[in-house]
Amino acid sequence: MQDKIIVLGAGRMGEGIALSFILAGKAVVLVDFKSRNPEERQRYYEQVRSRLLSELKYLQEKHLIQEPQITPMARLLHIVDNQEVHTLEGISLVFEALPEVREIKQQGLAWASRHLDKEAVIASTTSTFLVTELACMVSHPARFMNAHWLNPAHLMPLVEVSRGQDTEQCFVDELFAVLKEIGKVPVLCEAAPGYIIPRLQVLLMNEAARMVEEGVASAEDIDVAIRVGLGLRYSVLGVLEFIDWGGGDTLFYASSYLCDKLDNRFKSPEVITRNMQEHRRGFQDGVGFFDYSGVDLSNYRRQRSDAFLKRLELLELMPTITTNH
């Protein structure tokens, strides 16, 4: 793994990514692209360091790090402006975390292309642009991809990696290896608007807001239902795994009912119909979105139930069981 990571952009996302690597003992260079006079620059850099120290102290209070680790960790952060390029020797990984403005992205990616070796992996953390829209801004686009971090970046494990048409697998493998080494869980998706999580959560958030608007339930009760129902369940079973668990036919008929009672936004995609026709409904057929051939489904269900009980216990939501008979 690289001993030094470059993060372009000294904003909150850049700080979070920097902290992720600092916690893993890796030096990080935050490159500030905003024009500032010397006094403004010093004041802002002090603010960045202060926020870093505050977060490290919080993690120490939660017994995730020890107090003697704070000062050495804080020293791993180096903040420079984009005129200082002497610190970039030997860098093979850079994250672009600049504001979601095309011209600013172009400035940062062109800067990285000029100052970094052609074998250095360049990953944009954009949540707005597709990798295919930005790849043209990078020299040697084979090493370029998007790496979408979720906030707070230093705590959320997931990183959604999106590759372009020219991205070579060896660079994807290198980025995955680095992310895994600092405890992240990278997933791969193609260049599509919304990646995975934003695309799913926009639908969920809009539907929750719509239910408030329609008077279906209060905002408080909807959020309770999400936290102790939907969220709790999907922390154990992924959405597609859950379809297989309950049966794709169940989803099809539920979707048809909601389409009839509400509107076509609940219509199931063609893959659900096709899976029913091909007897790929999930557990009951031994195959669905996943292949369960050779899987002991009884043991599989028990493992998932064990994981669910652990979450209930952690959240103090275990069912009340009387011992009086």
C-alpha atoms as a PDB file:
ATOM      1  CA  MET A   1       0.000   0.000   0.000  1.00  0.00           C
ATOM      2  CA  GLN A   2       1.136   3.553  -0.691  1.00  0.00           C
ATOM      3  CA  ASP A   3       2.763   5.327   2.251  1.00  0.00           C
ATOM      4  CA  LYS A   4       1.457   8.707   1.141  1.00  0.00           C
ATOM      5  CA  ILE A   5      -1.902   9.625  -0.353  1.00  0.00           C
ATOM      6  CA  ILE A   6      -2.799  12.810  -2.205  1.00  0.00           C
ATOM      7  CA  VAL A   7      -6.245  14.374  -1.769  1.00  0.00           C
ATOM      8  CA  LEU A   8      -7.101  17.277  -4.049  1.00  0.00           C
ATOM      9  CA  GLY A   9      -9.398  19.650  -2.189  1.00  0.00           C
ATOM     10  CA  ALA A  10      -9.221  20.707   1.440  1.00  0.00           C
ATOM     11  CA  GLY A  11     -12.984  20.747   2.043  1.00  0.00           C
ATOM     12  CA  ARG A  12     -15.008  18.463   4.311  1.00  0.00           C
ATOM     13  CA  MET A  13     -14.961  15.442   1.992  1.00  0.00           C
ATOM     14  CA  GLY A  14     -11.223  15.807   1.506  1.00  0.00           C
ATOM     15  CA  GLU A  15     -10.772  16.017   5.268  1.00  0.00           C
ATOM     16  CA  GLY A  16     -12.834  12.854   5.787  1.00  0.00           C
ATOM     17  CA  ILE A  17     -10.853  10.887   3.219  1.00  0.00           C
ATOM     18  CA  ALA A  18      -7.601  12.165   4.698  1.00  0.00           C
ATOM     19  CA  LEU A  19      -8.689  11.052   8.160  1.00  0.00           C
ATOM     20  CA  SER A  20      -9.527   7.571   6.840  1.00  0.00           C
ATOM     21  CA  PHE A  21      -5.910   7.085   5.788  1.00  0.00           C
ATOM     22  CA  ILE A  22      -4.414   8.838   8.808  1.00  0.00           C
ATOM     23  CA  LEU A  23      -6.250   6.416  11.083  1.00  0.00           C
ATOM     24  CA  ALA A  24      -4.537   3.624   9.141  1.00  0.00           C
ATOM     25  CA  GLY A  25      -1.155   5.259   9.760  1.00  0.00           C
ATOM     26  CA  LYS A  26      -0.690   6.692   6.272  1.00  0.00           C
ATOM     27  CA  ALA A  27       0.591  10.183   5.512  1.00  0.00           C
ATOM     28  CA  VAL A  28      -1.797  12.375   3.529  1.00  0.00           C
ATOM     29  CA  VAL A  29      -1.135  15.503   1.518  1.00  0.00           C
ATOM     30  CA  LEU A  30      -4.208  17.727   1.235  1.00  0.00           C
ATOM     31  CA  VAL A  31      -3.820  20.005  -1.770  1.00  0.00           C
ATOM     32  CA  ASP A  32      -5.752  23.244  -1.451  1.00  0.00           C
ATOM     33  CA  PHE A  33      -6.884  24.721  -4.772  1.00  0.00           C
ATOM     34  CA  LYS A  34      -8.690  27.757  -3.447  1.00  0.00           C
ATOM     35  CA  SER A  35      -6.931  31.080  -3.924  1.00  0.00           C
ATOM     36  CA  ARG A  36      -6.118  32.603  -0.524  1.00  0.00           C
ATOM     37  CA  ASN A  37      -3.747  35.249   0.735  1.00  0.00           C
ATOM     38  CA  PRO A  38      -1.088  34.072   3.225  1.00  0.00           C
ATOM     39  CA  GLU A  39      -3.124  35.069   6.268  1.00  0.00           C
ATOM     40  CA  GLU A  40      -6.290  33.384   4.982  1.00  0.00           C
ATOM     41  CA  ARG A  41      -4.335  30.285   4.066  1.00  0.00           C
ATOM     42  CA  GLN A  42      -2.752  29.985   7.509  1.00  0.00           C
ATOM     43  CA  ARG A  43      -6.063  30.580   9.252  1.00  0.00           C
ATOM     44  CA  TYR A  44      -7.902  28.002   7.126  1.00  0.00           C
ATOM     45  CA  TYR A  45      -5.191  25.382   7.503  1.00  0.00           C
ATOM     46  CA  GLU A  46      -5.327  25.859  11.272  1.00  0.00           C
ATOM     47  CA  GLN A  47      -9.087  25.283  11.115  1.00  0.00           C
ATOM     48  CA  VAL A  48      -8.566  22.051   9.169  1.00  0.00           C
ATOM     49  CA  ARG A  49      -6.020  20.818  11.713  1.00  0.00           C
ATOM     50  CA  SER A  50      -8.307  21.810  14.564  1.00  0.00           C
ATOM     51  CA  ARG A  51     -11.192  19.801  13.101  1.00  0.00           C
ATOM     52  CA  LEU A  52      -8.872  16.832  12.642  1.00  0.00           C
ATOM     53  CA  LEU A  53      -7.728  17.019  16.266  1.00  0.00           C
ATOM     54  CA  SER A  54     -11.323  17.319  17.471  1.00  0.00           C
ATOM     55  CA  GLU A  55     -12.331  14.190  15.571  1.00  0.00           C
ATOM     56  CA  LEU A  56      -9.287  12.268  16.822  1.00  0.00           C
ATOM     57  CA  LYS A  57     -10.116  13.265  20.389  1.00  0.00           C
ATOM     58  CA  TYR A  58     -13.707  12.133  19.881  1.00  0.00           C
ATOM     59  CA  LEU A  59     -12.489   8.752  18.639  1.00  0.00           C
ATOM     60  CA  GLN A  60     -10.203   8.563  21.660  1.00  0.00           C
ATOM     61  CA  GLU A  61     -13.160   9.266  23.970  1.00  0.00           C
ATOM     62  CA  LYS A  62     -14.943   6.346  22.309  1.00  0.00           C
ATOM     63  CA  HIS A  63     -11.865   4.139  22.937  1.00  0.00           C
ATOM     64  CA  LEU A  64     -11.230   3.607  19.230  1.00  0.00           C
ATOM     65  CA  ILE A  65      -7.743   5.088  19.491  1.00  0.00           C
ATOM     66  CA  GLN A  66      -5.482   5.815  22.431  1.00  0.00           C
ATOM     67  CA  GLU A  67      -4.557   9.303  23.620  1.00  0.00           C
ATOM     68  CA  PRO A  68      -0.823   8.873  22.806  1.00  0.00           C
ATOM     69  CA  GLN A  69      -1.783   8.179  19.173  1.00  0.00           C
ATOM     70  CA  ILE A  70      -3.410  11.563  18.610  1.00  0.00           C
ATOM     71  CA  THR A  71      -0.316  13.725  18.132  1.00  0.00           C
ATOM     72  CA  PRO A  72       1.524  11.274  15.816  1.00  0.00           C
ATOM     73  CA  MET A  73      -1.643  10.846  13.766  1.00  0.00           C
ATOM     74  CA  ALA A  74      -2.155  14.591  13.461  1.00  0.00           C
ATOM     75  CA  ARG A  75       1.398  14.919  12.149  1.00  0.00           C
ATOM     76  CA  LEU A  76       0.540  12.642   9.230  1.00  0.00           C
ATOM     77  CA  LEU A  77      -1.543  15.427   7.665  1.00  0.00           C
ATOM     78  CA  HIS A  78       0.272  17.847   5.362  1.00  0.00           C
ATOM     79  CA  ILE A  79      -1.634  20.742   3.790  1.00  0.00           C
ATOM     80  CA  VAL A  80      -0.192  22.546   0.781  1.00  0.00           C
ATOM     81  CA  ASP A  81      -1.505  24.780  -1.945  1.00  0.00           C
ATOM     82  CA  ASN A  82      -1.494  23.671  -5.543  1.00  0.00           C
ATOM     83  CA  GLN A  83       1.710  25.581  -6.277  1.00  0.00           C
ATOM     84  CA  GLU A  84       3.717  23.245  -4.032  1.00  0.00           C
ATOM     85  CA  VAL A  85       4.545  20.200  -6.129  1.00  0.00           C
ATOM     86  CA  HIS A  86       7.802  19.078  -4.525  1.00  0.00           C
ATOM     87  CA  THR A  87       5.895  16.826  -2.095  1.00  0.00           C
ATOM     88  CA  LEU A  88       4.462  14.609  -4.861  1.00  0.00           C
ATOM     89  CA  GLU A  89       7.425  12.362  -5.610  1.00  0.00           C
ATOM     90  CA  GLY A  90       6.563   8.676  -5.589  1.00  0.00           C
ATOM     91  CA  ILE A  91       2.808   9.237  -5.266  1.00  0.00           C
ATOM     92  CA  SER A  92       0.747   6.522  -6.935  1.00  0.00           C
ATOM     93  CA  LEU A  93      -2.771   7.340  -5.716  1.00  0.00           C
ATOM     94  CA  VAL A  94      -4.703  10.590  -5.727  1.00  0.00           C
ATOM     95  CA  PHE A  95      -8.312  11.328  -4.814  1.00  0.00           C
ATOM     96  CA  GLU A  96      -9.951  14.372  -6.384  1.00  0.00           C
ATOM     97  CA  ALA A  97     -12.405  15.863  -3.864  1.00  0.00           C
ATOM     98  CA  LEU A  98     -12.968  19.317  -5.310  1.00  0.00           C
ATOM     99  CA  PRO A  99     -16.333  21.165  -5.484  1.00  0.00           C
ATOM    100  CA  GLU A 100     -18.956  19.771  -7.874  1.00  0.00           C
ATOM    101  CA  VAL A 101     -18.221  22.354 -10.583  1.00  0.00           C
ATOM    102  CA  ARG A 102     -16.990  21.098 -13.948  1.00  0.00           C
ATOM    103  CA  GLU A 103     -14.387  23.842 -14.412  1.00  0.00           C
ATOM    104  CA  ILE A 104     -12.911  23.231 -10.961  1.00  0.00           C
ATOM    105  CA  LYS A 105     -12.837  19.475 -11.529  1.00  0.00           C
ATOM    106  CA  GLN A 106     -11.066  20.049 -14.840  1.00  0.00           C
ATOM    107  CA  GLN A 107      -8.486  22.281 -13.173  1.00  0.00           C
ATOM    108  CA  GLY A 108      -7.744  19.679 -10.499  1.00  0.00           C
ATOM    109  CA  LEU A 109      -7.602  16.686 -12.826  1.00  0.00           C
ATOM    110  CA  ALA A 110      -5.372  18.544 -15.282  1.00  0.00           C
ATOM    111  CA  TRP A 111      -3.086  19.446 -12.369  1.00  0.00           C
ATOM    112  CA  ALA A 112      -2.910  15.788 -11.305  1.00  0.00           C
ATOM    113  CA  SER A 113      -2.168  14.728 -14.887  1.00  0.00           C
ATOM    114  CA  ARG A 114       0.711  17.192 -15.101  1.00  0.00           C
ATOM    115  CA  HIS A 115       2.360  16.440 -11.793  1.00  0.00           C
ATOM    116  CA  LEU A 116       1.823  12.719 -11.236  1.00  0.00           C
ATOM    117  CA  ASP A 117       3.359   9.711 -12.931  1.00  0.00           C
ATOM    118  CA  LYS A 118       1.231   8.202 -15.706  1.00  0.00           C
ATOM    119  CA  GLU A 119       0.861   5.008 -13.661  1.00  0.00           C
ATOM    120  CA  ALA A 120      -0.632   6.853 -10.689  1.00  0.00           C
ATOM    121  CA  VAL A 121      -4.278   6.000 -10.022  1.00  0.00           C
ATOM    122  CA  ILE A 122      -6.544   9.039 -10.152  1.00  0.00           C
ATOM    123  CA  ALA A 123      -9.987   8.671  -8.570  1.00  0.00           C
ATOM    124  CA  SER A 124     -12.611  11.405  -8.510  1.00  0.00           C
ATOM    125  CA  THR A 125     -14.935  11.371  -5.507  1.00  0.00           C
ATOM    126  CA  THR A 126     -17.685  13.181  -7.391  1.00  0.00           C
ATOM    127  CA  SER A 127     -21.311  12.458  -6.578  1.00  0.00           C
ATOM    128  CA  THR A 128     -22.553  14.419  -9.595  1.00  0.00           C
ATOM    129  CA  PHE A 129     -20.544  13.592 -12.705  1.00  0.00           C
ATOM    130  CA  LEU A 130     -20.133  10.240 -14.409  1.00  0.00           C
ATOM    131  CA  VAL A 131     -16.665   8.818 -14.837  1.00  0.00           C
ATOM    132  CA  THR A 132     -17.245   8.987 -18.611  1.00  0.00           C
ATOM    133  CA  GLU A 133     -17.805  12.746 -18.326  1.00  0.00           C
ATOM    134  CA  LEU A 134     -14.542  13.343 -16.489  1.00  0.00           C
ATOM    135  CA  ALA A 135     -12.192  10.814 -18.106  1.00  0.00           C
ATOM    136  CA  CYS A 136     -11.424  13.200 -20.963  1.00  0.00           C
ATOM    137  CA  MET A 137      -9.931  15.608 -18.406  1.00  0.00           C
ATOM    138  CA  VAL A 138      -7.214  13.118 -17.433  1.00  0.00           C
ATOM    139  CA  SER A 139      -4.126  12.048 -19.323  1.00  0.00           C
ATOM    140  CA  HIS A 140      -3.891   8.251 -19.604  1.00  0.00           C
ATOM    141  CA  PRO A 141      -7.579   7.632 -18.708  1.00  0.00           C
ATOM    142  CA  ALA A 142      -6.859   3.910 -18.243  1.00  0.00           C
ATOM    143  CA  ARG A 143      -5.919   4.759 -14.627  1.00  0.00           C
ATOM    144  CA  PHE A 144      -8.968   6.961 -13.957  1.00  0.00           C
ATOM    145  CA  MET A 145     -12.221   6.071 -12.163  1.00  0.00           C
ATOM    146  CA  ASN A 146     -14.757   7.493  -9.744  1.00  0.00           C
ATOM    147  CA  ALA A 147     -14.638   6.547  -6.070  1.00  0.00           C
ATOM    148  CA  HIS A 148     -17.793   7.763  -4.338  1.00  0.00           C
ATOM    149  CA  TRP A 149     -17.352   7.907  -0.551  1.00  0.00           C
ATOM    150  CA  LEU A 150     -20.305   8.196   1.810  1.00  0.00           C
ATOM    151  CA  ASN A 151     -20.336  10.702   4.671  1.00  0.00           C
ATOM    152  CA  PRO A 152     -18.826  10.604   7.200  1.00  0.00           C
ATOM    153  CA  ALA A 153     -16.035   9.275   5.006  1.00  0.00           C
ATOM    154  CA  HIS A 154     -13.774   8.118   7.837  1.00  0.00           C
ATOM    155  CA  LEU A 155     -16.547   6.056   9.455  1.00  0.00           C
ATOM    156  CA  MET A 156     -18.703   4.783   6.574  1.00  0.00           C
ATOM    157  CA  PRO A 157     -17.169   1.562   5.195  1.00  0.00           C
ATOM    158  CA  LEU A 158     -18.684   1.669   1.698  1.00  0.00           C
ATOM    159  CA  VAL A 159     -16.928   3.220  -1.305  1.00  0.00           C
ATOM    160  CA  GLU A 160     -18.673   2.942  -4.691  1.00  0.00           C
ATOM    161  CA  VAL A 161     -16.120   2.618  -7.478  1.00  0.00           C
ATOM    162  CA  SER A 162     -17.238   3.354 -11.028  1.00  0.00           C
ATOM    163  CA  ARG A 163     -15.003   2.603 -13.984  1.00  0.00           C
ATOM    164  CA  GLY A 164     -15.001   4.179 -17.423  1.00  0.00           C
ATOM    165  CA  GLN A 165     -14.753   2.609 -20.862  1.00  0.00           C
ATOM    166  CA  ASP A 166     -10.972   3.003 -20.852  1.00  0.00           C
ATOM    167  CA  THR A 167     -10.312   2.046 -17.223  1.00  0.00           C
ATOM    168  CA  GLU A 168      -7.995  -0.955 -17.013  1.00  0.00           C
ATOM    169  CA  GLN A 169      -8.689  -3.686 -14.470  1.00  0.00           C
ATOM    170  CA  CYS A 170      -5.206  -3.534 -12.936  1.00  0.00           C
ATOM    171  CA  PHE A 171      -5.880   0.001 -11.713  1.00  0.00           C
ATOM    172  CA  VAL A 172      -9.287  -0.994 -10.337  1.00  0.00           C
ATOM    173  CA  ASP A 173      -7.592  -3.850  -8.480  1.00  0.00           C
ATOM    174  CA  GLU A 174      -4.990  -1.470  -7.075  1.00  0.00           C
ATOM    175  CA  LEU A 175      -7.614   0.946  -5.779  1.00  0.00           C
ATOM    176  CA  PHE A 176      -9.663  -1.891  -4.266  1.00  0.00           C
ATOM    177  CA  ALA A 177      -6.577  -3.230  -2.485  1.00  0.00           C
ATOM    178  CA  VAL A 178      -5.788   0.167  -0.975  1.00  0.00           C
ATOM    179  CA  LEU A 179      -9.366   0.732   0.180  1.00  0.00           C
ATOM    180  CA  LYS A 180      -9.636  -2.733   1.720  1.00  0.00           C
ATOM    181  CA  GLU A 181      -6.357  -2.239   3.566  1.00  0.00           C
ATOM    182  CA  ILE A 182      -7.805   0.738   5.456  1.00  0.00           C
ATOM    183  CA  GLY A 183     -10.995  -1.150   6.306  1.00  0.00           C
ATOM    184  CA  LYS A 184     -13.257   0.084   3.528  1.00  0.00           C
ATOM    185  CA  VAL A 185     -15.671  -2.083   1.547  1.00  0.00           C
ATOM    186  CA  PRO A 186     -15.445  -1.144  -2.148  1.00  0.00           C
ATOM    187  CA  VAL A 187     -18.121  -2.161  -4.635  1.00  0.00           C
ATOM    188  CA  LEU A 188     -17.976  -1.821  -8.410  1.00  0.00           C
ATOM    189  CA  CYS A 189     -20.616  -0.297 -10.653  1.00  0.00           C
ATOM    190  CA  GLU A 190     -20.726   0.905 -14.221  1.00  0.00           C
ATOM    191  CA  ALA A 191     -21.032   4.541 -15.241  1.00  0.00           C
ATOM    192  CA  ALA A 192     -24.675   5.211 -14.378  1.00  0.00           C
ATOM    193  CA  PRO A 193     -26.346   8.260 -12.782  1.00  0.00           C
ATOM    194  CA  GLY A 194     -26.674   7.926  -9.024  1.00  0.00           C
ATOM    195  CA  TYR A 195     -24.275   5.029  -8.573  1.00  0.00           C
ATOM    196  CA  ILE A 196     -25.946   2.468  -6.252  1.00  0.00           C
ATOM    197  CA  ILE A 197     -26.730   4.125  -2.931  1.00  0.00           C
ATOM    198  CA  PRO A 198     -27.798   7.612  -4.122  1.00  0.00           C
ATOM    199  CA  ARG A 199     -30.074   6.075  -6.781  1.00  0.00           C
ATOM    200  CA  LEU A 200     -31.784   3.842  -4.223  1.00  0.00           C
ATOM    201  CA  GLN A 201     -32.010   6.402  -1.466  1.00  0.00           C
ATOM    202  CA  VAL A 202     -33.500   9.137  -3.693  1.00  0.00           C
ATOM    203  CA  LEU A 203     -36.461   6.844  -4.378  1.00  0.00           C
ATOM    204  CA  LEU A 204     -36.796   6.017  -0.692  1.00  0.00           C
ATOM    205  CA  MET A 205     -36.541   9.634   0.471  1.00  0.00           C
ATOM    206  CA  ASN A 206     -39.057  10.871  -2.083  1.00  0.00           C
ATOM    207  CA  GLU A 207     -41.538   8.156  -1.133  1.00  0.00           C
ATOM    208  CA  ALA A 208     -41.127   8.944   2.577  1.00  0.00           C
ATOM    209  CA  ALA A 209     -41.738  12.643   1.896  1.00  0.00           C
ATOM    210  CA  ARG A 210     -44.750  11.730  -0.251  1.00  0.00           C
ATOM    211  CA  MET A 211     -46.261   9.727   2.610  1.00  0.00           C
ATOM    212  CA  VAL A 212     -45.948  12.741   4.904  1.00  0.00           C
ATOM    213  CA  GLU A 213     -47.539  14.909   2.209  1.00  0.00           C
ATOM    214  CA  GLU A 214     -50.429  12.457   1.833  1.00  0.00           C
ATOM    215  CA  GLY A 215     -50.936  12.127   5.576  1.00  0.00           C
ATOM    216  CA  VAL A 216     -50.164   8.405   5.583  1.00  0.00           C
ATOM    217  CA  ALA A 217     -48.103   8.719   8.767  1.00  0.00           C
ATOM    218  CA  SER A 218     -46.208  11.332  10.739  1.00  0.00           C
ATOM    219  CA  ALA A 219     -42.593  12.109   9.960  1.00  0.00           C
ATOM    220  CA  GLU A 220     -41.673  10.694  13.370  1.00  0.00           C
ATOM    221  CA  ASP A 221     -43.425   7.374  12.807  1.00  0.00           C
ATOM    222  CA  ILE A 222     -42.058   6.985   9.289  1.00  0.00           C
ATOM    223  CA  ASP A 223     -38.521   7.459  10.561  1.00  0.00           C
ATOM    224  CA  VAL A 224     -39.072   5.008  13.420  1.00  0.00           C
ATOM    225  CA  ALA A 225     -40.323   2.484  10.852  1.00  0.00           C
ATOM    226  CA  ILE A 226     -37.187   3.049   8.771  1.00  0.00           C
ATOM    227  CA  ARG A 227     -34.782   2.741  11.690  1.00  0.00           C
ATOM    228  CA  VAL A 228     -36.237  -0.329  13.416  1.00  0.00           C
ATOM    229  CA  GLY A 229     -37.847  -1.951  10.386  1.00  0.00           C
ATOM    230  CA  LEU A 230     -36.402  -1.334   6.941  1.00  0.00           C
ATOM    231  CA  GLY A 231     -32.914  -0.286   8.000  1.00  0.00           C
ATOM    232  CA  LEU A 232     -32.553  -3.034  10.581  1.00  0.00           C
ATOM    233  CA  ARG A 233     -33.710  -5.704   8.153  1.00  0.00           C
ATOM    234  CA  TYR A 234     -31.494  -4.552   5.294  1.00  0.00           C
ATOM    235  CA  SER A 235     -28.430  -4.394   7.527  1.00  0.00           C
ATOM    236  CA  VAL A 236     -28.622  -8.207   7.506  1.00  0.00           C
ATOM    237  CA  LEU A 237     -30.150  -9.022   4.120  1.00  0.00           C
ATOM    238  CA  GLY A 238     -29.265  -7.080   1.009  1.00  0.00           C
ATOM    239  CA  VAL A 239     -32.229  -5.912  -1.067  1.00  0.00           C
ATOM    240  CA  LEU A 240     -31.781  -8.504  -3.818  1.00  0.00           C
ATOM    241  CA  GLU A 241     -31.100 -11.216  -1.269  1.00  0.00           C
ATOM    242  CA  PHE A 242     -34.335 -10.187   0.463  1.00  0.00           C
ATOM    243  CA  ILE A 243     -36.231 -10.623  -2.822  1.00  0.00           C
ATOM    244  CA  ASP A 244     -34.841 -14.154  -3.086  1.00  0.00           C
ATOM    245  CA  TRP A 245     -35.674 -14.788   0.565  1.00  0.00           C
ATOM    246  CA  GLY A 246     -39.333 -13.863   0.171  1.00  0.00           C
ATOM    247  CA  GLY A 247     -39.688 -14.852  -3.467  1.00  0.00           C
ATOM    248  CA  GLY A 248     -39.638 -12.767  -6.625  1.00  0.00           C
ATOM    249  CA  ASP A 249     -43.288 -13.670  -7.182  1.00  0.00           C
ATOM    250  CA  THR A 250     -44.175 -11.982  -3.878  1.00  0.00           C
ATOM    251  CA  LEU A 251     -42.551  -8.775  -5.116  1.00  0.00           C
ATOM    252  CA  PHE A 252     -44.363  -9.061  -8.448  1.00  0.00           C
ATOM    253  CA  TYR A 253     -47.818  -9.359  -6.854  1.00  0.00           C
ATOM    254  CA  ALA A 254     -47.107  -6.661  -4.259  1.00  0.00           C
ATOM    255  CA  SER A 255     -45.951  -4.329  -7.031  1.00  0.00           C
ATOM    256  CA  SER A 256     -49.069  -5.054  -9.082  1.00  0.00           C
ATOM    257  CA  TYR A 257     -51.295  -4.281  -6.095  1.00  0.00           C
ATOM    258  CA  LEU A 258     -49.544  -0.974  -5.385  1.00  0.00           C
ATOM    259  CA  CYS A 259     -49.675  -0.023  -9.072  1.00  0.00           C
ATOM    260  CA  ASP A 260     -53.432  -0.599  -9.010  1.00  0.00           C
ATOM    261  CA  LYS A 261     -54.008   1.329  -5.779  1.00  0.00           C
ATOM    262  CA  LEU A 262     -51.422   4.104  -6.270  1.00  0.00           C
ATOM    263  CA  ASP A 263     -49.630   4.486  -9.632  1.00  0.00           C
ATOM    264  CA  ASN A 264     -47.148   2.972 -12.038  1.00  0.00           C
ATOM    265  CA  ARG A 265     -44.095   4.128 -10.139  1.00  0.00           C
ATOM    266  CA  PHE A 266     -44.426   0.810  -8.257  1.00  0.00           C
ATOM    267  CA  LYS A 267     -44.308  -1.337 -11.388  1.00  0.00           C
ATOM    268  CA  SER A 268     -41.736  -4.119 -11.116  1.00  0.00           C
ATOM    269  CA  PRO A 269     -38.967  -4.291 -13.756  1.00  0.00           C
ATOM    270  CA  GLU A 270     -38.962  -6.893 -16.495  1.00  0.00           C
ATOM    271  CA  VAL A 271     -36.305  -8.962 -14.733  1.00  0.00           C
ATOM    272  CA  ILE A 272     -38.842  -9.854 -12.013  1.00  0.00           C
ATOM    273  CA  THR A 273     -41.353 -11.132 -14.575  1.00  0.00           C
ATOM    274  CA  ARG A 274     -38.648 -12.981 -16.479  1.00  0.00           C
ATOM    275  CA  ASN A 275     -37.342 -14.642 -13.310  1.00  0.00           C
ATOM    276  CA  MET A 276     -40.858 -15.856 -12.498  1.00  0.00           C
ATOM    277  CA  GLN A 277     -41.274 -17.324 -15.965  1.00  0.00           C
ATOM    278  CA  GLU A 278     -37.899 -19.033 -15.756  1.00  0.00           C
ATOM    279  CA  HIS A 279     -38.500 -20.369 -12.236  1.00  0.00           C
ATOM    280  CA  ARG A 280     -35.843 -18.182 -10.691  1.00  0.00           C
ATOM    281  CA  ARG A 281     -37.902 -16.914  -7.777  1.00  0.00           C
ATOM    282  CA  GLY A 282     -35.233 -17.362  -5.106  1.00  0.00           C
ATOM    283  CA  PHE A 283     -35.076 -19.840  -2.249  1.00  0.00           C
ATOM    284  CA  GLN A 284     -38.089 -21.812  -3.454  1.00  0.00           C
ATOM    285  CA  ASP A 285     -36.441 -22.511  -6.821  1.00  0.00           C
ATOM    286  CA  GLY A 286     -32.862 -22.683  -5.598  1.00  0.00           C
ATOM    287  CA  VAL A 287     -31.923 -19.727  -7.781  1.00  0.00           C
ATOM    288  CA  GLY A 288     -32.966 -16.111  -8.091  1.00  0.00           C
ATOM    289  CA  PHE A 289     -30.648 -13.115  -8.189  1.00  0.00           C
ATOM    290  CA  PHE A 290     -28.215 -15.491  -6.477  1.00  0.00           C
ATOM    291  CA  ASP A 291     -27.529 -19.181  -7.049  1.00  0.00           C
ATOM    292  CA  TYR A 292     -28.304 -21.367  -4.015  1.00  0.00           C
ATOM    293  CA  SER A 293     -27.376 -24.702  -5.546  1.00  0.00           C
ATOM    294  CA  GLY A 294     -25.374 -26.670  -3.034  1.00  0.00           C
ATOM    295  CA  VAL A 295     -26.319 -24.241  -0.238  1.00  0.00           C
ATOM    296  CA  ASP A 296     -27.786 -25.632   2.988  1.00  0.00           C
ATOM    297  CA  LEU A 297     -30.709 -23.202   3.132  1.00  0.00           C
ATOM    298  CA  SER A 298     -31.639 -24.200   6.673  1.00  0.00           C
ATOM    299  CA  ASN A 299     -28.162 -23.317   7.911  1.00  0.00           C
ATOM    300  CA  TYR A 300     -28.121 -20.219   5.698  1.00  0.00           C
ATOM    301  CA  ARG A 301     -31.338 -18.943   7.283  1.00  0.00           C
ATOM    302  CA  ARG A 302     -29.947 -19.660  10.749  1.00  0.00           C
ATOM    303  CA  GLN A 303     -26.803 -17.632  10.037  1.00  0.00           C
ATOM    304  CA  ARG A 304     -28.875 -14.681   8.895  1.00  0.00           C
ATOM    305  CA  SER A 305     -31.117 -15.013  11.960  1.00  0.00           C
ATOM    306  CA  ASP A 306     -28.040 -15.045  14.210  1.00  0.00           C
ATOM    307  CA  ALA A 307     -26.815 -11.821  12.604  1.00  0.00           C
ATOM    308  CA  PHE A 308     -30.245 -10.245  13.037  1.00  0.00           C
ATOM    309  CA  LEU A 309     -30.389 -11.153  16.733  1.00  0.00           C
ATOM    310  CA  LYS A 310     -26.974  -9.560  17.278  1.00  0.00           C
ATOM    311  CA  ARG A 311     -28.266  -6.301  15.824  1.00  0.00           C
ATOM    312  CA  LEU A 312     -31.403  -6.442  17.974  1.00  0.00           C
ATOM    313  CA  GLU A 313     -29.256  -6.944  21.041  1.00  0.00           C
ATOM    314  CA  LEU A 314     -26.925  -4.086  20.111  1.00  0.00           C
ATOM    315  CA  LEU A 315     -29.890  -1.722  19.647  1.00  0.00           C
ATOM    316  CA  GLU A 316     -31.622  -3.002  22.788  1.00  0.00           C
ATOM    317  CA  LEU A 317     -34.590  -4.123  20.714  1.00  0.00           C
ATOM    318  CA  MET A 318     -34.715  -7.768  21.717  1.00  0.00           C
ATOM    319  CA  PRO A 319     -38.277  -9.093  22.107  1.00  0.00           C
ATOM    320  CA  THR A 320     -39.679  -9.174  25.626  1.00  0.00           C
ATOM    321  CA  ILE A 321     -39.752 -12.778  26.789  1.00  0.00           C
ATOM    322  CA  THR A 322     -41.397 -13.666  30.075  1.00  0.00           C
ATOM    323  CA  THR A 323     -39.883 -16.324  32.291  1.00  0.00           C
ATOM    324  CA  ASN A 324     -43.031 -16.683  34.354  1.00  0.00           C
ATOM    325  CA  HIS A 325     -45.235 -19.671  33.603  1.00  0.00           C
END
